[in-house]
């Protein structure tokens, strides 16, 4: 039971630690570990890690498959960033859940 509670706690804490921020295509630097979300003109999305970028196209890798996306077909580019505010909110929300809600559930379970 304790392991399950810890697993749920960690999954809840780390689910909202990241957010996507819009960036200009020309401002993207070739950092290999960056994750991007690209919205194309045909309203399809592509996600993945940046493999390479030049002035005409960018190559993303997702699940071992490479996707080449030309600059002309890109509507919006977003880079994944760590958000300390969302992380703090998740920690405080989890703490509130444990301190306030869990004892109420236990008391109700004992009374039944």
C-alpha atoms as a PDB file:
ATOM      1  CA  UNK A   1       0.000   0.000   0.000  1.00  0.00           C
ATOM      2  CA  UNK A   2       2.796   2.390   0.892  1.00  0.00           C
ATOM      3  CA  UNK A   3       4.615   1.746  -2.392  1.00  0.00           C
ATOM      4  CA  UNK A   4       1.430   2.391  -4.331  1.00  0.00           C
ATOM      5  CA  UNK A   5       0.867   5.673  -2.492  1.00  0.00           C
ATOM      6  CA  UNK A   6       4.451   6.773  -3.194  1.00  0.00           C
ATOM      7  CA  UNK A   7       4.103   5.843  -6.867  1.00  0.00           C
ATOM      8  CA  UNK A   8       0.903   7.867  -7.180  1.00  0.00           C
ATOM      9  CA  UNK A   9       2.500  10.771  -5.324  1.00  0.00           C
ATOM     10  CA  UNK A  10       5.530  10.897  -7.633  1.00  0.00           C
ATOM     11  CA  UNK A  11       3.453  10.555 -10.786  1.00  0.00           C
ATOM     12  CA  UNK A  12       1.207  13.397  -9.639  1.00  0.00           C
ATOM     13  CA  UNK A  13       4.148  15.605  -8.705  1.00  0.00           C
ATOM     14  CA  UNK A  14       6.020  15.260 -11.975  1.00  0.00           C
ATOM     15  CA  UNK A  15       3.120  15.365 -14.417  1.00  0.00           C
ATOM     16  CA  UNK A  16       2.905  19.143 -14.534  1.00  0.00           C
ATOM     17  CA  UNK A  17       6.508  20.203 -14.019  1.00  0.00           C
ATOM     18  CA  UNK A  18       6.923  21.075 -17.679  1.00  0.00           C
ATOM     19  CA  UNK A  19       5.170  23.503 -19.995  1.00  0.00           C
ATOM     20  CA  UNK A  20       5.620  24.477 -23.628  1.00  0.00           C
ATOM     21  CA  UNK A  21       6.752  27.993 -24.552  1.00  0.00           C
ATOM     22  CA  UNK A  22       6.424  29.388 -28.077  1.00  0.00           C
ATOM     23  CA  UNK A  23       9.706  30.302 -29.743  1.00  0.00           C
ATOM     24  CA  UNK A  24      10.716  31.828 -33.036  1.00  0.00           C
ATOM     25  CA  UNK A  25      12.116  29.314 -35.541  1.00  0.00           C
ATOM     26  CA  UNK A  26      15.180  31.491 -36.179  1.00  0.00           C
ATOM     27  CA  UNK A  27      16.015  31.687 -32.440  1.00  0.00           C
ATOM     28  CA  UNK A  28      16.302  27.918 -31.948  1.00  0.00           C
ATOM     29  CA  UNK A  29      19.798  26.727 -31.092  1.00  0.00           C
ATOM     30  CA  UNK A  30      20.923  23.170 -31.740  1.00  0.00           C
ATOM     31  CA  UNK A  31      20.806  21.765 -28.214  1.00  0.00           C
ATOM     32  CA  UNK A  32      20.407  18.008 -28.560  1.00  0.00           C
ATOM     33  CA  UNK A  33      18.315  17.402 -25.430  1.00  0.00           C
ATOM     34  CA  UNK A  34      15.580  19.952 -26.138  1.00  0.00           C
ATOM     35  CA  UNK A  35      12.065  18.660 -26.735  1.00  0.00           C
ATOM     36  CA  UNK A  36       9.810  20.464 -29.181  1.00  0.00           C
ATOM     37  CA  UNK A  37       6.166  20.477 -30.145  1.00  0.00           C
ATOM     38  CA  UNK A  38       5.561  21.685 -33.702  1.00  0.00           C
ATOM     39  CA  UNK A  39       2.140  22.644 -35.021  1.00  0.00           C
ATOM     40  CA  UNK A  40       2.025  22.484 -38.801  1.00  0.00           C
ATOM     41  CA  UNK A  41      -0.089  24.544 -41.191  1.00  0.00           C
ATOM     42  CA  UNK A  42      -2.332  21.518 -41.811  1.00  0.00           C
ATOM     43  CA  UNK A  43      -3.076  21.533 -38.025  1.00  0.00           C
ATOM     44  CA  UNK A  44      -1.184  18.314 -37.294  1.00  0.00           C
ATOM     45  CA  UNK A  45       1.305  18.197 -34.439  1.00  0.00           C
ATOM     46  CA  UNK A  46       4.762  16.688 -34.203  1.00  0.00           C
ATOM     47  CA  UNK A  47       6.654  16.135 -30.953  1.00  0.00           C
ATOM     48  CA  UNK A  48      10.196  15.030 -30.394  1.00  0.00           C
ATOM     49  CA  UNK A  49      13.793  15.767 -29.504  1.00  0.00           C
ATOM     50  CA  UNK A  50      15.742  18.095 -31.739  1.00  0.00           C
ATOM     51  CA  UNK A  51      18.300  16.213 -33.836  1.00  0.00           C
ATOM     52  CA  UNK A  52      19.381  19.051 -36.109  1.00  0.00           C
ATOM     53  CA  UNK A  53      18.196  22.372 -37.453  1.00  0.00           C
ATOM     54  CA  UNK A  54      19.211  24.659 -40.290  1.00  0.00           C
ATOM     55  CA  UNK A  55      17.659  27.725 -41.908  1.00  0.00           C
ATOM     56  CA  UNK A  56      15.187  25.634 -43.964  1.00  0.00           C
ATOM     57  CA  UNK A  57      14.160  22.662 -41.826  1.00  0.00           C
ATOM     58  CA  UNK A  58      14.335  20.936 -38.473  1.00  0.00           C
ATOM     59  CA  UNK A  59      14.658  17.232 -37.732  1.00  0.00           C
ATOM     60  CA  UNK A  60      12.900  15.787 -34.680  1.00  0.00           C
ATOM     61  CA  UNK A  61      13.246  12.283 -33.283  1.00  0.00           C
ATOM     62  CA  UNK A  62      10.362  10.572 -31.492  1.00  0.00           C
ATOM     63  CA  UNK A  63      10.391   6.898 -30.465  1.00  0.00           C
ATOM     64  CA  UNK A  64      13.374   6.181 -32.707  1.00  0.00           C
ATOM     65  CA  UNK A  65      11.787   7.684 -35.818  1.00  0.00           C
ATOM     66  CA  UNK A  66      13.036  10.889 -37.426  1.00  0.00           C
ATOM     67  CA  UNK A  67      10.712  13.547 -38.814  1.00  0.00           C
ATOM     68  CA  UNK A  68      11.963  16.272 -41.127  1.00  0.00           C
ATOM     69  CA  UNK A  69       9.802  19.387 -41.001  1.00  0.00           C
ATOM     70  CA  UNK A  70      10.425  22.225 -43.436  1.00  0.00           C
ATOM     71  CA  UNK A  71      10.182  25.822 -42.277  1.00  0.00           C
ATOM     72  CA  UNK A  72       7.391  26.563 -44.766  1.00  0.00           C
ATOM     73  CA  UNK A  73       5.011  23.997 -43.248  1.00  0.00           C
ATOM     74  CA  UNK A  74       5.478  25.178 -39.628  1.00  0.00           C
ATOM     75  CA  UNK A  75       2.705  27.211 -37.999  1.00  0.00           C
ATOM     76  CA  UNK A  76       4.049  27.316 -34.406  1.00  0.00           C
ATOM     77  CA  UNK A  77       7.087  25.921 -32.583  1.00  0.00           C
ATOM     78  CA  UNK A  78       7.076  25.341 -28.827  1.00  0.00           C
ATOM     79  CA  UNK A  79       9.983  24.240 -26.661  1.00  0.00           C
ATOM     80  CA  UNK A  80       9.473  22.290 -23.443  1.00  0.00           C
ATOM     81  CA  UNK A  81      10.600  24.177 -20.345  1.00  0.00           C
ATOM     82  CA  UNK A  82      10.753  23.218 -16.678  1.00  0.00           C
ATOM     83  CA  UNK A  83       8.233  25.243 -14.669  1.00  0.00           C
ATOM     84  CA  UNK A  84       9.113  25.777 -11.013  1.00  0.00           C
ATOM     85  CA  UNK A  85       5.718  27.383 -10.327  1.00  0.00           C
ATOM     86  CA  UNK A  86       3.814  24.337 -11.577  1.00  0.00           C
ATOM     87  CA  UNK A  87       6.136  22.070  -9.595  1.00  0.00           C
ATOM     88  CA  UNK A  88       5.573  24.060  -6.398  1.00  0.00           C
ATOM     89  CA  UNK A  89       1.825  24.008  -7.003  1.00  0.00           C
ATOM     90  CA  UNK A  90       1.939  20.247  -7.443  1.00  0.00           C
ATOM     91  CA  UNK A  91       3.882  19.802  -4.212  1.00  0.00           C
ATOM     92  CA  UNK A  92       1.502  22.044  -2.258  1.00  0.00           C
ATOM     93  CA  UNK A  93      -1.533  20.358  -3.797  1.00  0.00           C
ATOM     94  CA  UNK A  94      -0.231  16.920  -2.911  1.00  0.00           C
ATOM     95  CA  UNK A  95       0.602  18.037   0.613  1.00  0.00           C
ATOM     96  CA  UNK A  96      -2.908  19.448   0.989  1.00  0.00           C
ATOM     97  CA  UNK A  97      -4.365  16.208  -0.318  1.00  0.00           C
ATOM     98  CA  UNK A  98      -2.402  14.128   2.161  1.00  0.00           C
ATOM     99  CA  UNK A  99      -2.958  16.396   5.165  1.00  0.00           C
ATOM    100  CA  UNK A 100      -6.607  17.324   4.618  1.00  0.00           C
ATOM    101  CA  UNK A 101      -8.372  14.711   2.519  1.00  0.00           C
ATOM    102  CA  UNK A 102      -6.680  11.464   3.509  1.00  0.00           C
ATOM    103  CA  UNK A 103      -7.519  11.740   7.256  1.00  0.00           C
ATOM    104  CA  UNK A 104     -11.166  12.474   6.418  1.00  0.00           C
ATOM    105  CA  UNK A 105     -11.338   9.366   4.245  1.00  0.00           C
ATOM    106  CA  UNK A 106      -9.741   7.263   6.977  1.00  0.00           C
ATOM    107  CA  UNK A 107     -12.190   8.546   9.622  1.00  0.00           C
ATOM    108  CA  UNK A 108     -15.161   7.838   7.368  1.00  0.00           C
ATOM    109  CA  UNK A 109     -13.817   4.349   6.662  1.00  0.00           C
ATOM    110  CA  UNK A 110     -13.442   3.664  10.387  1.00  0.00           C
ATOM    111  CA  UNK A 111     -16.981   4.854  11.152  1.00  0.00           C
ATOM    112  CA  UNK A 112     -18.584   2.588   8.567  1.00  0.00           C
END
